[in-house]
Amino acid sequence: MNNTIGRGRTFIIGSVVAGALTLSGIGMAATAAATPGGGSNAQDTVSRLTSQGYNVALNHNGGWSDVPLSECVVNGIHGLVSGVPQGQPLPPEQQGAQTVYVDVGCSTTE
């Protein structure tokens, strides 16, 4: 039996798996970098997204919904239009027609 073929397949499979893991890591880093507002002041993020032409809906992911939004932090943003550079306004035909969902966490320190 020729073990060279088996080793070759193992090497190829290992290379493919390593490449896929590398690419998924790069993809996750790009997604994290493309998510504006992560960990930032929720009021500032909502104001920025609104000024870019988005409708904004809030998802309270813990804490209290009666805390001022300026005291909340952003945990995630969903529904950003792909192809629009971060921080740039939506094209005029899409302004007011796109809703983004902002996950916020609001806690009290009382």
PDB file of N, CA and C in Angstrom:
ATOM      1  N   MET A   1       0.844  -1.174   0.000  1.00  0.00           N
ATOM      2  CA  MET A   1       0.000   0.000   0.000  1.00  0.00           C
ATOM      3  C   MET A   1       0.886   1.232   0.000  1.00  0.00           C
ATOM      4  N   ASN A   2       0.521   2.219  -0.760  1.00  0.00           N
ATOM      5  CA  ASN A   2       1.310   3.431  -0.909  1.00  0.00           C
ATOM      6  C   ASN A   2       0.788   4.499   0.057  1.00  0.00           C
ATOM      7  N   ASN A   3       1.569   4.796   1.096  1.00  0.00           N
ATOM      8  CA  ASN A   3       1.153   5.789   2.087  1.00  0.00           C
ATOM      9  C   ASN A   3       1.308   7.221   1.604  1.00  0.00           C
ATOM     10  N   THR A   4       1.998   7.428   0.506  1.00  0.00           N
ATOM     11  CA  THR A   4       2.209   8.777  -0.012  1.00  0.00           C
ATOM     12  C   THR A   4       0.883   9.419  -0.400  1.00  0.00           C
ATOM     13  N   ILE A   5      -0.015   8.658  -1.007  1.00  0.00           N
ATOM     14  CA  ILE A   5      -1.314   9.197  -1.407  1.00  0.00           C
ATOM     15  C   ILE A   5      -2.101   9.618  -0.170  1.00  0.00           C
ATOM     16  N   GLY A   6      -2.110   8.801   0.843  1.00  0.00           N
ATOM     17  CA  GLY A   6      -2.822   9.123   2.073  1.00  0.00           C
ATOM     18  C   GLY A   6      -2.264  10.382   2.724  1.00  0.00           C
ATOM     19  N   ARG A   7      -0.941  10.515   2.739  1.00  0.00           N
ATOM     20  CA  ARG A   7      -0.327  11.704   3.327  1.00  0.00           C
ATOM     21  C   ARG A   7      -0.662  12.943   2.497  1.00  0.00           C
ATOM     22  N   GLY A   8      -0.673  12.784   1.197  1.00  0.00           N
ATOM     23  CA  GLY A   8      -0.998  13.899   0.313  1.00  0.00           C
ATOM     24  C   GLY A   8      -2.405  14.392   0.549  1.00  0.00           C
ATOM     25  N   ARG A   9      -3.341  13.463   0.696  1.00  0.00           N
ATOM     26  CA  ARG A   9      -4.727  13.845   0.964  1.00  0.00           C
ATOM     27  C   ARG A   9      -4.844  14.525   2.316  1.00  0.00           C
ATOM     28  N   THR A  10      -4.141  14.001   3.294  1.00  0.00           N
ATOM     29  CA  THR A  10      -4.169  14.604   4.619  1.00  0.00           C
ATOM     30  C   THR A  10      -3.626  16.021   4.566  1.00  0.00           C
ATOM     31  N   PHE A  11      -2.538  16.214   3.831  1.00  0.00           N
ATOM     32  CA  PHE A  11      -1.948  17.549   3.698  1.00  0.00           C
ATOM     33  C   PHE A  11      -2.926  18.508   3.018  1.00  0.00           C
ATOM     34  N   ILE A  12      -3.571  18.042   1.944  1.00  0.00           N
ATOM     35  CA  ILE A  12      -4.522  18.893   1.220  1.00  0.00           C
ATOM     36  C   ILE A  12      -5.709  19.237   2.106  1.00  0.00           C
ATOM     37  N   ILE A  13      -6.269  18.254   2.770  1.00  0.00           N
ATOM     38  CA  ILE A  13      -7.405  18.504   3.658  1.00  0.00           C
ATOM     39  C   ILE A  13      -6.994  19.453   4.776  1.00  0.00           C
ATOM     40  N   GLY A  14      -5.833  19.229   5.362  1.00  0.00           N
ATOM     41  CA  GLY A  14      -5.347  20.111   6.421  1.00  0.00           C
ATOM     42  C   GLY A  14      -5.162  21.534   5.921  1.00  0.00           C
ATOM     43  N   SER A  15      -4.647  21.676   4.704  1.00  0.00           N
ATOM     44  CA  SER A  15      -4.455  23.006   4.122  1.00  0.00           C
ATOM     45  C   SER A  15      -5.781  23.697   3.870  1.00  0.00           C
ATOM     46  N   VAL A  16      -6.755  22.944   3.367  1.00  0.00           N
ATOM     47  CA  VAL A  16      -8.077  23.514   3.103  1.00  0.00           C
ATOM     48  C   VAL A  16      -8.730  23.958   4.414  1.00  0.00           C
ATOM     49  N   VAL A  17      -8.652  23.117   5.436  1.00  0.00           N
ATOM     50  CA  VAL A  17      -9.242  23.466   6.734  1.00  0.00           C
ATOM     51  C   VAL A  17      -8.543  24.687   7.317  1.00  0.00           C
ATOM     52  N   ALA A  18      -7.224  24.729   7.270  1.00  0.00           N
ATOM     53  CA  ALA A  18      -6.485  25.877   7.807  1.00  0.00           C
ATOM     54  C   ALA A  18      -6.846  27.146   7.043  1.00  0.00           C
ATOM     55  N   GLY A  19      -6.962  27.040   5.725  1.00  0.00           N
ATOM     56  CA  GLY A  19      -7.341  28.195   4.913  1.00  0.00           C
ATOM     57  C   GLY A  19      -8.737  28.679   5.236  1.00  0.00           C
ATOM     58  N   ALA A  20      -9.665  27.749   5.414  1.00  0.00           N
ATOM     59  CA  ALA A  20     -11.043  28.117   5.744  1.00  0.00           C
ATOM     60  C   ALA A  20     -11.109  28.794   7.105  1.00  0.00           C
ATOM     61  N   LEU A  21     -10.359  28.276   8.073  1.00  0.00           N
ATOM     62  CA  LEU A  21     -10.346  28.896   9.397  1.00  0.00           C
ATOM     63  C   LEU A  21      -9.754  30.297   9.338  1.00  0.00           C
ATOM     64  N   THR A  22      -8.710  30.467   8.549  1.00  0.00           N
ATOM     65  CA  THR A  22      -8.100  31.788   8.398  1.00  0.00           C
ATOM     66  C   THR A  22      -9.091  32.755   7.775  1.00  0.00           C
ATOM     67  N   LEU A  23      -9.760  32.335   6.708  1.00  0.00           N
ATOM     68  CA  LEU A  23     -10.727  33.194   6.040  1.00  0.00           C
ATOM     69  C   LEU A  23     -11.911  33.515   6.944  1.00  0.00           C
ATOM     70  N   SER A  24     -12.378  32.545   7.723  1.00  0.00           N
ATOM     71  CA  SER A  24     -13.504  32.840   8.613  1.00  0.00           C
ATOM     72  C   SER A  24     -13.076  33.824   9.688  1.00  0.00           C
ATOM     73  N   GLY A  25     -11.847  33.740  10.139  1.00  0.00           N
ATOM     74  CA  GLY A  25     -11.345  34.714  11.114  1.00  0.00           C
ATOM     75  C   GLY A  25     -11.261  36.104  10.521  1.00  0.00           C
ATOM     76  N   ILE A  26     -10.799  36.192   9.276  1.00  0.00           N
ATOM     77  CA  ILE A  26     -10.739  37.479   8.596  1.00  0.00           C
ATOM     78  C   ILE A  26     -12.144  38.015   8.398  1.00  0.00           C
ATOM     79  N   GLY A  27     -13.069  37.148   8.012  1.00  0.00           N
ATOM     80  CA  GLY A  27     -14.460  37.571   7.816  1.00  0.00           C
ATOM     81  C   GLY A  27     -15.076  38.089   9.094  1.00  0.00           C
ATOM     82  N   MET A  28     -14.803  37.412  10.211  1.00  0.00           N
ATOM     83  CA  MET A  28     -15.355  37.866  11.481  1.00  0.00           C
ATOM     84  C   MET A  28     -14.723  39.183  11.887  1.00  0.00           C
ATOM     85  N   ALA A  29     -13.442  39.371  11.644  1.00  0.00           N
ATOM     86  CA  ALA A  29     -12.796  40.638  11.969  1.00  0.00           C
ATOM     87  C   ALA A  29     -13.363  41.758  11.121  1.00  0.00           C
ATOM     88  N   ALA A  30     -13.613  41.472   9.840  1.00  0.00           N
ATOM     89  CA  ALA A  30     -14.190  42.490   8.959  1.00  0.00           C
ATOM     90  C   ALA A  30     -15.599  42.844   9.408  1.00  0.00           C
ATOM     91  N   THR A  31     -16.367  41.838   9.829  1.00  0.00           N
ATOM     92  CA  THR A  31     -17.720  42.105  10.311  1.00  0.00           C
ATOM     93  C   THR A  31     -17.669  42.954  11.569  1.00  0.00           C
ATOM     94  N   ALA A  32     -16.774  42.633  12.479  1.00  0.00           N
ATOM     95  CA  ALA A  32     -16.666  43.422  13.705  1.00  0.00           C
ATOM     96  C   ALA A  32     -16.243  44.847  13.392  1.00  0.00           C
ATOM     97  N   ALA A  33     -15.300  44.993  12.471  1.00  0.00           N
ATOM     98  CA  ALA A  33     -14.850  46.332  12.112  1.00  0.00           C
ATOM     99  C   ALA A  33     -15.942  47.099  11.392  1.00  0.00           C
ATOM    100  N   ALA A  34     -16.821  46.388  10.689  1.00  0.00           N
ATOM    101  CA  ALA A  34     -17.868  47.052   9.922  1.00  0.00           C
ATOM    102  C   ALA A  34     -19.096  47.358  10.762  1.00  0.00           C
ATOM    103  N   THR A  35     -19.120  46.919  11.984  1.00  0.00           N
ATOM    104  CA  THR A  35     -20.258  47.188  12.836  1.00  0.00           C
ATOM    105  C   THR A  35     -19.989  48.438  13.645  1.00  0.00           C
ATOM    106  N   PRO A  36     -20.473  49.573  13.163  1.00  0.00           N
ATOM    107  CA  PRO A  36     -20.218  50.816  13.875  1.00  0.00           C
ATOM    108  C   PRO A  36     -20.980  50.851  15.184  1.00  0.00           C
ATOM    109  N   GLY A  37     -20.394  51.460  16.147  1.00  0.00           N
ATOM    110  CA  GLY A  37     -21.104  51.692  17.399  1.00  0.00           C
ATOM    111  C   GLY A  37     -20.940  50.610  18.437  1.00  0.00           C
ATOM    112  N   GLY A  38     -20.336  49.482  18.128  1.00  0.00           N
ATOM    113  CA  GLY A  38     -20.197  48.417  19.102  1.00  0.00           C
ATOM    114  C   GLY A  38     -19.533  48.914  20.373  1.00  0.00           C
ATOM    115  N   GLY A  39     -20.262  48.889  21.489  1.00  0.00           N
ATOM    116  CA  GLY A  39     -19.740  49.338  22.777  1.00  0.00           C
ATOM    117  C   GLY A  39     -19.808  50.842  22.987  1.00  0.00           C
ATOM    118  N   SER A  40     -20.338  51.567  22.018  1.00  0.00           N
ATOM    119  CA  SER A  40     -20.379  53.024  22.155  1.00  0.00           C
ATOM    120  C   SER A  40     -21.725  53.493  22.708  1.00  0.00           C
ATOM    121  N   ASN A  41     -21.804  54.785  22.937  1.00  0.00           N
ATOM    122  CA  ASN A  41     -23.005  55.418  23.456  1.00  0.00           C
ATOM    123  C   ASN A  41     -24.157  55.192  22.474  1.00  0.00           C
ATOM    124  N   ALA A  42     -25.263  54.651  22.969  1.00  0.00           N
ATOM    125  CA  ALA A  42     -26.379  54.306  22.101  1.00  0.00           C
ATOM    126  C   ALA A  42     -27.030  55.539  21.484  1.00  0.00           C
ATOM    127  N   GLN A  43     -27.145  56.622  22.222  1.00  0.00           N
ATOM    128  CA  GLN A  43     -27.768  57.832  21.680  1.00  0.00           C
ATOM    129  C   GLN A  43     -26.971  58.381  20.501  1.00  0.00           C
ATOM    130  N   ASP A  44     -25.657  58.408  20.633  1.00  0.00           N
ATOM    131  CA  ASP A  44     -24.805  58.891  19.536  1.00  0.00           C
ATOM    132  C   ASP A  44     -24.949  58.007  18.299  1.00  0.00           C
ATOM    133  N   THR A  45     -25.014  56.699  18.513  1.00  0.00           N
ATOM    134  CA  THR A  45     -25.146  55.760  17.400  1.00  0.00           C
ATOM    135  C   THR A  45     -26.483  55.931  16.699  1.00  0.00           C
ATOM    136  N   VAL A  46     -27.563  56.064  17.473  1.00  0.00           N
ATOM    137  CA  VAL A  46     -28.891  56.261  16.891  1.00  0.00           C
ATOM    138  C   VAL A  46     -28.922  57.569  16.110  1.00  0.00           C
ATOM    139  N   SER A  47     -28.354  58.622  16.657  1.00  0.00           N
ATOM    140  CA  SER A  47     -28.326  59.917  15.970  1.00  0.00           C
ATOM    141  C   SER A  47     -27.550  59.824  14.654  1.00  0.00           C
ATOM    142  N   ARG A  48     -26.414  59.133  14.681  1.00  0.00           N
ATOM    143  CA  ARG A  48     -25.595  58.991  13.480  1.00  0.00           C
ATOM    144  C   ARG A  48     -26.336  58.200  12.407  1.00  0.00           C
ATOM    145  N   LEU A  49     -26.956  57.087  12.790  1.00  0.00           N
ATOM    146  CA  LEU A  49     -27.677  56.264  11.818  1.00  0.00           C
ATOM    147  C   LEU A  49     -28.882  57.008  11.244  1.00  0.00           C
ATOM    148  N   THR A  50     -29.569  57.759  12.078  1.00  0.00           N
ATOM    149  CA  THR A  50     -30.708  58.545  11.612  1.00  0.00           C
ATOM    150  C   THR A  50     -30.253  59.609  10.611  1.00  0.00           C
ATOM    151  N   SER A  51     -29.135  60.252  10.911  1.00  0.00           N
ATOM    152  CA  SER A  51     -28.625  61.281   9.997  1.00  0.00           C
ATOM    153  C   SER A  51     -28.157  60.687   8.668  1.00  0.00           C
ATOM    154  N   GLN A  52     -27.852  59.389   8.657  1.00  0.00           N
ATOM    155  CA  GLN A  52     -27.441  58.712   7.423  1.00  0.00           C
ATOM    156  C   GLN A  52     -28.648  58.243   6.611  1.00  0.00           C
ATOM    157  N   GLY A  53     -29.864  58.427   7.151  1.00  0.00           N
ATOM    158  CA  GLY A  53     -31.072  58.084   6.409  1.00  0.00           C
ATOM    159  C   GLY A  53     -31.750  56.797   6.831  1.00  0.00           C
ATOM    160  N   TYR A  54     -31.268  56.156   7.890  1.00  0.00           N
ATOM    161  CA  TYR A  54     -31.879  54.921   8.362  1.00  0.00           C
ATOM    162  C   TYR A  54     -33.022  55.211   9.326  1.00  0.00           C
ATOM    163  N   ASN A  55     -34.026  54.323   9.332  1.00  0.00           N
ATOM    164  CA  ASN A  55     -34.979  54.253  10.431  1.00  0.00           C
ATOM    165  C   ASN A  55     -34.314  53.354  11.464  1.00  0.00           C
ATOM    166  N   VAL A  56     -34.455  53.666  12.737  1.00  0.00           N
ATOM    167  CA  VAL A  56     -33.768  52.899  13.777  1.00  0.00           C
ATOM    168  C   VAL A  56     -34.785  52.289  14.735  1.00  0.00           C
ATOM    169  N   ALA A  57     -34.657  50.989  14.967  1.00  0.00           N
ATOM    170  CA  ALA A  57     -35.454  50.278  15.955  1.00  0.00           C
ATOM    171  C   ALA A  57     -34.497  49.748  17.020  1.00  0.00           C
ATOM    172  N   LEU A  58     -34.899  49.831  18.273  1.00  0.00           N
ATOM    173  CA  LEU A  58     -34.044  49.393  19.380  1.00  0.00           C
ATOM    174  C   LEU A  58     -34.460  48.027  19.895  1.00  0.00           C
ATOM    175  N   ASN A  59     -33.473  47.207  20.192  1.00  0.00           N
ATOM    176  CA  ASN A  59     -33.665  45.934  20.876  1.00  0.00           C
ATOM    177  C   ASN A  59     -32.975  46.069  22.229  1.00  0.00           C
ATOM    178  N   HIS A  60     -33.742  46.075  23.305  1.00  0.00           N
ATOM    179  CA  HIS A  60     -33.140  46.148  24.640  1.00  0.00           C
ATOM    180  C   HIS A  60     -32.727  44.740  25.049  1.00  0.00           C
ATOM    181  N   ASN A  61     -31.418  44.513  25.107  1.00  0.00           N
ATOM    182  CA  ASN A  61     -30.873  43.198  25.413  1.00  0.00           C
ATOM    183  C   ASN A  61     -30.358  43.129  26.838  1.00  0.00           C
ATOM    184  N   GLY A  62     -31.145  43.501  27.748  1.00  0.00           N
ATOM    185  CA  GLY A  62     -30.725  43.447  29.142  1.00  0.00           C
ATOM    186  C   GLY A  62     -30.742  44.824  29.751  1.00  0.00           C
ATOM    187  N   GLY A  63     -30.906  44.854  31.022  1.00  0.00           N
ATOM    188  CA  GLY A  63     -30.963  46.135  31.704  1.00  0.00           C
ATOM    189  C   GLY A  63     -32.375  46.691  31.673  1.00  0.00           C
ATOM    190  N   TRP A  64     -32.444  47.982  31.721  1.00  0.00           N
ATOM    191  CA  TRP A  64     -33.727  48.655  31.873  1.00  0.00           C
ATOM    192  C   TRP A  64     -34.026  49.525  30.667  1.00  0.00           C
ATOM    193  N   SER A  65     -35.257  49.454  30.174  1.00  0.00           N
ATOM    194  CA  SER A  65     -35.626  50.262  29.013  1.00  0.00           C
ATOM    195  C   SER A  65     -36.004  51.681  29.409  1.00  0.00           C
ATOM    196  N   ASP A  66     -36.125  51.961  30.717  1.00  0.00           N
ATOM    197  CA  ASP A  66     -36.477  53.319  31.134  1.00  0.00           C
ATOM    198  C   ASP A  66     -35.237  54.170  31.459  1.00  0.00           C
ATOM    199  N   VAL A  67     -34.054  53.620  31.226  1.00  0.00           N
ATOM    200  CA  VAL A  67     -32.808  54.361  31.407  1.00  0.00           C
ATOM    201  C   VAL A  67     -32.621  55.244  30.172  1.00  0.00           C
ATOM    202  N   PRO A  68     -32.154  56.494  30.331  1.00  0.00           N
ATOM    203  CA  PRO A  68     -31.909  57.339  29.152  1.00  0.00           C
ATOM    204  C   PRO A  68     -30.962  56.640  28.174  1.00  0.00           C
ATOM    205  N   LEU A  69     -31.268  56.772  26.892  1.00  0.00           N
ATOM    206  CA  LEU A  69     -30.487  56.108  25.854  1.00  0.00           C
ATOM    207  C   LEU A  69     -29.019  56.520  25.889  1.00  0.00           C
ATOM    208  N   SER A  70     -28.745  57.726  26.353  1.00  0.00           N
ATOM    209  CA  SER A  70     -27.355  58.196  26.442  1.00  0.00           C
ATOM    210  C   SER A  70     -26.548  57.412  27.480  1.00  0.00           C
ATOM    211  N   GLU A  71     -27.224  56.674  28.346  1.00  0.00           N
ATOM    212  CA  GLU A  71     -26.549  55.866  29.366  1.00  0.00           C
ATOM    213  C   GLU A  71     -26.462  54.394  28.968  1.00  0.00           C
ATOM    214  N   CYS A  72     -26.882  54.084  27.748  1.00  0.00           N
ATOM    215  CA  CYS A  72     -26.858  52.712  27.246  1.00  0.00           C
ATOM    216  C   CYS A  72     -25.697  52.540  26.277  1.00  0.00           C
ATOM    217  N   VAL A  73     -25.283  51.299  26.089  1.00  0.00           N
ATOM    218  CA  VAL A  73     -24.217  50.998  25.135  1.00  0.00           C
ATOM    219  C   VAL A  73     -24.763  50.117  24.022  1.00  0.00           C
ATOM    220  N   VAL A  74     -24.135  50.209  22.871  1.00  0.00           N
ATOM    221  CA  VAL A  74     -24.525  49.412  21.706  1.00  0.00           C
ATOM    222  C   VAL A  74     -23.826  48.067  21.766  1.00  0.00           C
ATOM    223  N   ASN A  75     -24.615  46.998  21.620  1.00  0.00           N
ATOM    224  CA  ASN A  75     -24.063  45.646  21.587  1.00  0.00           C
ATOM    225  C   ASN A  75     -24.004  45.086  20.175  1.00  0.00           C
ATOM    226  N   GLY A  76     -24.745  45.676  19.253  1.00  0.00           N
ATOM    227  CA  GLY A  76     -24.742  45.192  17.879  1.00  0.00           C
ATOM    228  C   GLY A  76     -25.689  46.005  17.026  1.00  0.00           C
ATOM    229  N   ILE A  77     -25.452  45.960  15.720  1.00  0.00           N
ATOM    230  CA  ILE A  77     -26.308  46.641  14.755  1.00  0.00           C
ATOM    231  C   ILE A  77     -26.583  45.654  13.625  1.00  0.00           C
ATOM    232  N   HIS A  78     -27.846  45.542  13.240  1.00  0.00           N
ATOM    233  CA  HIS A  78     -28.248  44.597  12.205  1.00  0.00           C
ATOM    234  C   HIS A  78     -29.046  45.333  11.131  1.00  0.00           C
ATOM    235  N   GLY A  79     -28.813  44.981   9.879  1.00  0.00           N
ATOM    236  CA  GLY A  79     -29.603  45.524   8.785  1.00  0.00           C
ATOM    237  C   GLY A  79     -28.962  46.664   8.022  1.00  0.00           C
ATOM    238  N   LEU A  80     -27.668  46.909   8.262  1.00  0.00           N
ATOM    239  CA  LEU A  80     -26.989  47.950   7.490  1.00  0.00           C
ATOM    240  C   LEU A  80     -26.968  47.547   6.023  1.00  0.00           C
ATOM    241  N   VAL A  81     -27.122  48.506   5.143  1.00  0.00           N
ATOM    242  CA  VAL A  81     -27.135  48.239   3.711  1.00  0.00           C
ATOM    243  C   VAL A  81     -25.708  47.949   3.253  1.00  0.00           C
ATOM    244  N   SER A  82     -25.515  46.801   2.606  1.00  0.00           N
ATOM    245  CA  SER A  82     -24.182  46.468   2.106  1.00  0.00           C
ATOM    246  C   SER A  82     -23.873  47.352   0.899  1.00  0.00           C
ATOM    247  N   GLY A  83     -22.624  47.650   0.721  1.00  0.00           N
ATOM    248  CA  GLY A  83     -22.202  48.482  -0.391  1.00  0.00           C
ATOM    249  C   GLY A  83     -22.171  49.967  -0.066  1.00  0.00           C
ATOM    250  N   VAL A  84     -22.714  50.356   1.090  1.00  0.00           N
ATOM    251  CA  VAL A  84     -22.657  51.756   1.516  1.00  0.00           C
ATOM    252  C   VAL A  84     -21.503  51.864   2.502  1.00  0.00           C
ATOM    253  N   PRO A  85     -20.483  52.665   2.192  1.00  0.00           N
ATOM    254  CA  PRO A  85     -19.347  52.784   3.109  1.00  0.00           C
ATOM    255  C   PRO A  85     -19.782  53.255   4.495  1.00  0.00           C
ATOM    256  N   GLN A  86     -19.111  52.711   5.499  1.00  0.00           N
ATOM    257  CA  GLN A  86     -19.430  53.053   6.884  1.00  0.00           C
ATOM    258  C   GLN A  86     -19.371  54.561   7.084  1.00  0.00           C
ATOM    259  N   GLY A  87     -20.403  55.115   7.685  1.00  0.00           N
ATOM    260  CA  GLY A  87     -20.445  56.535   7.973  1.00  0.00           C
ATOM    261  C   GLY A  87     -21.007  57.384   6.847  1.00  0.00           C
ATOM    262  N   GLN A  88     -21.268  56.774   5.695  1.00  0.00           N
ATOM    263  CA  GLN A  88     -21.796  57.516   4.554  1.00  0.00           C
ATOM    264  C   GLN A  88     -23.327  57.432   4.527  1.00  0.00           C
ATOM    265  N   PRO A  89     -23.994  58.473   4.024  1.00  0.00           N
ATOM    266  CA  PRO A  89     -25.462  58.413   3.944  1.00  0.00           C
ATOM    267  C   PRO A  89     -25.930  57.406   2.904  1.00  0.00           C
ATOM    268  N   LEU A  90     -27.141  56.936   3.103  1.00  0.00           N
ATOM    269  CA  LEU A  90     -27.758  56.051   2.123  1.00  0.00           C
ATOM    270  C   LEU A  90     -28.021  56.825   0.840  1.00  0.00           C
ATOM    271  N   PRO A  91     -28.083  56.127  -0.287  1.00  0.00           N
ATOM    272  CA  PRO A  91     -28.491  56.799  -1.518  1.00  0.00           C
ATOM    273  C   PRO A  91     -29.885  57.411  -1.323  1.00  0.00           C
ATOM    274  N   PRO A  92     -30.183  58.536  -1.965  1.00  0.00           N
ATOM    275  CA  PRO A  92     -31.466  59.224  -1.751  1.00  0.00           C
ATOM    276  C   PRO A  92     -32.690  58.321  -1.886  1.00  0.00           C
ATOM    277  N   GLU A  93     -32.671  57.397  -2.838  1.00  0.00           N
ATOM    278  CA  GLU A  93     -33.851  56.537  -3.037  1.00  0.00           C
ATOM    279  C   GLU A  93     -34.058  55.532  -1.902  1.00  0.00           C
ATOM    280  N   GLN A  94     -33.040  55.328  -1.058  1.00  0.00           N
ATOM    281  CA  GLN A  94     -33.166  54.382   0.057  1.00  0.00           C
ATOM    282  C   GLN A  94     -33.363  55.082   1.396  1.00  0.00           C
ATOM    283  N   GLN A  95     -33.170  56.379   1.454  1.00  0.00           N
ATOM    284  CA  GLN A  95     -33.292  57.082   2.728  1.00  0.00           C
ATOM    285  C   GLN A  95     -34.730  57.007   3.235  1.00  0.00           C
ATOM    286  N   GLY A  96     -34.871  56.652   4.496  1.00  0.00           N
ATOM    287  CA  GLY A  96     -36.180  56.515   5.115  1.00  0.00           C
ATOM    288  C   GLY A  96     -36.869  55.202   4.817  1.00  0.00           C
ATOM    289  N   ALA A  97     -36.273  54.377   3.973  1.00  0.00           N
ATOM    290  CA  ALA A  97     -36.886  53.108   3.597  1.00  0.00           C
ATOM    291  C   ALA A  97     -36.169  51.917   4.230  1.00  0.00           C
ATOM    292  N   GLN A  98     -35.027  52.137   4.862  1.00  0.00           N
ATOM    293  CA  GLN A  98     -34.227  51.062   5.443  1.00  0.00           C
ATOM    294  C   GLN A  98     -34.271  51.162   6.966  1.00  0.00           C
ATOM    295  N   THR A  99     -34.581  50.045   7.615  1.00  0.00           N
ATOM    296  CA  THR A  99     -34.588  50.012   9.075  1.00  0.00           C
ATOM    297  C   THR A  99     -33.398  49.201   9.558  1.00  0.00           C
ATOM    298  N   VAL A 100     -32.671  49.770  10.509  1.00  0.00           N
ATOM    299  CA  VAL A 100     -31.603  49.035  11.171  1.00  0.00           C
ATOM    300  C   VAL A 100     -32.050  48.756  12.601  1.00  0.00           C
ATOM    301  N   TYR A 101     -31.571  47.669  13.143  1.00  0.00           N
ATOM    302  CA  TYR A 101     -31.917  47.260  14.499  1.00  0.00           C
ATOM    303  C   TYR A 101     -30.667  47.379  15.358  1.00  0.00           C
ATOM    304  N   VAL A 102     -30.764  48.183  16.396  1.00  0.00           N
ATOM    305  CA  VAL A 102     -29.636  48.427  17.269  1.00  0.00           C
ATOM    306  C   VAL A 102     -29.885  47.721  18.587  1.00  0.00           C
ATOM    307  N   ASP A 103     -28.993  46.797  18.931  1.00  0.00           N
ATOM    308  CA  ASP A 103     -29.057  46.089  20.218  1.00  0.00           C
ATOM    309  C   ASP A 103     -28.392  46.959  21.265  1.00  0.00           C
ATOM    310  N   VAL A 104     -29.129  47.287  22.324  1.00  0.00           N
ATOM    311  CA  VAL A 104     -28.567  48.124  23.370  1.00  0.00           C
ATOM    312  C   VAL A 104     -28.684  47.427  24.716  1.00  0.00           C
ATOM    313  N   GLY A 105     -27.732  47.731  25.561  1.00  0.00           N
ATOM    314  CA  GLY A 105     -27.729  47.268  26.941  1.00  0.00           C
ATOM    315  C   GLY A 105     -27.756  48.470  27.852  1.00  0.00           C
ATOM    316  N   CYS A 106     -28.727  48.510  28.721  1.00  0.00           N
ATOM    317  CA  CYS A 106     -28.877  49.646  29.632  1.00  0.00           C
ATOM    318  C   CYS A 106     -28.894  49.107  31.052  1.00  0.00           C
ATOM    319  N   SER A 107     -27.997  49.595  31.868  1.00  0.00           N
ATOM    320  CA  SER A 107     -27.957  49.131  33.252  1.00  0.00           C
ATOM    321  C   SER A 107     -27.944  50.316  34.182  1.00  0.00           C
ATOM    322  N   THR A 108     -28.315  50.051  35.399  1.00  0.00           N
ATOM    323  CA  THR A 108     -28.269  51.087  36.413  1.00  0.00           C
ATOM    324  C   THR A 108     -27.182  50.737  37.406  1.00  0.00           C
ATOM    325  N   THR A 109     -26.596  51.721  37.978  1.00  0.00           N
ATOM    326  CA  THR A 109     -25.538  51.486  38.971  1.00  0.00           C
ATOM    327  C   THR A 109     -26.008  51.881  40.355  1.00  0.00           C
ATOM    328  N   GLU A 110     -27.307  51.925  40.530  1.00  0.00           N
ATOM    329  CA  GLU A 110     -27.867  52.306  41.835  1.00  0.00           C
ATOM    330  C   GLU A 110     -27.754  51.189  42.832  1.00  0.00           C
TER     331      GLU A 110
END
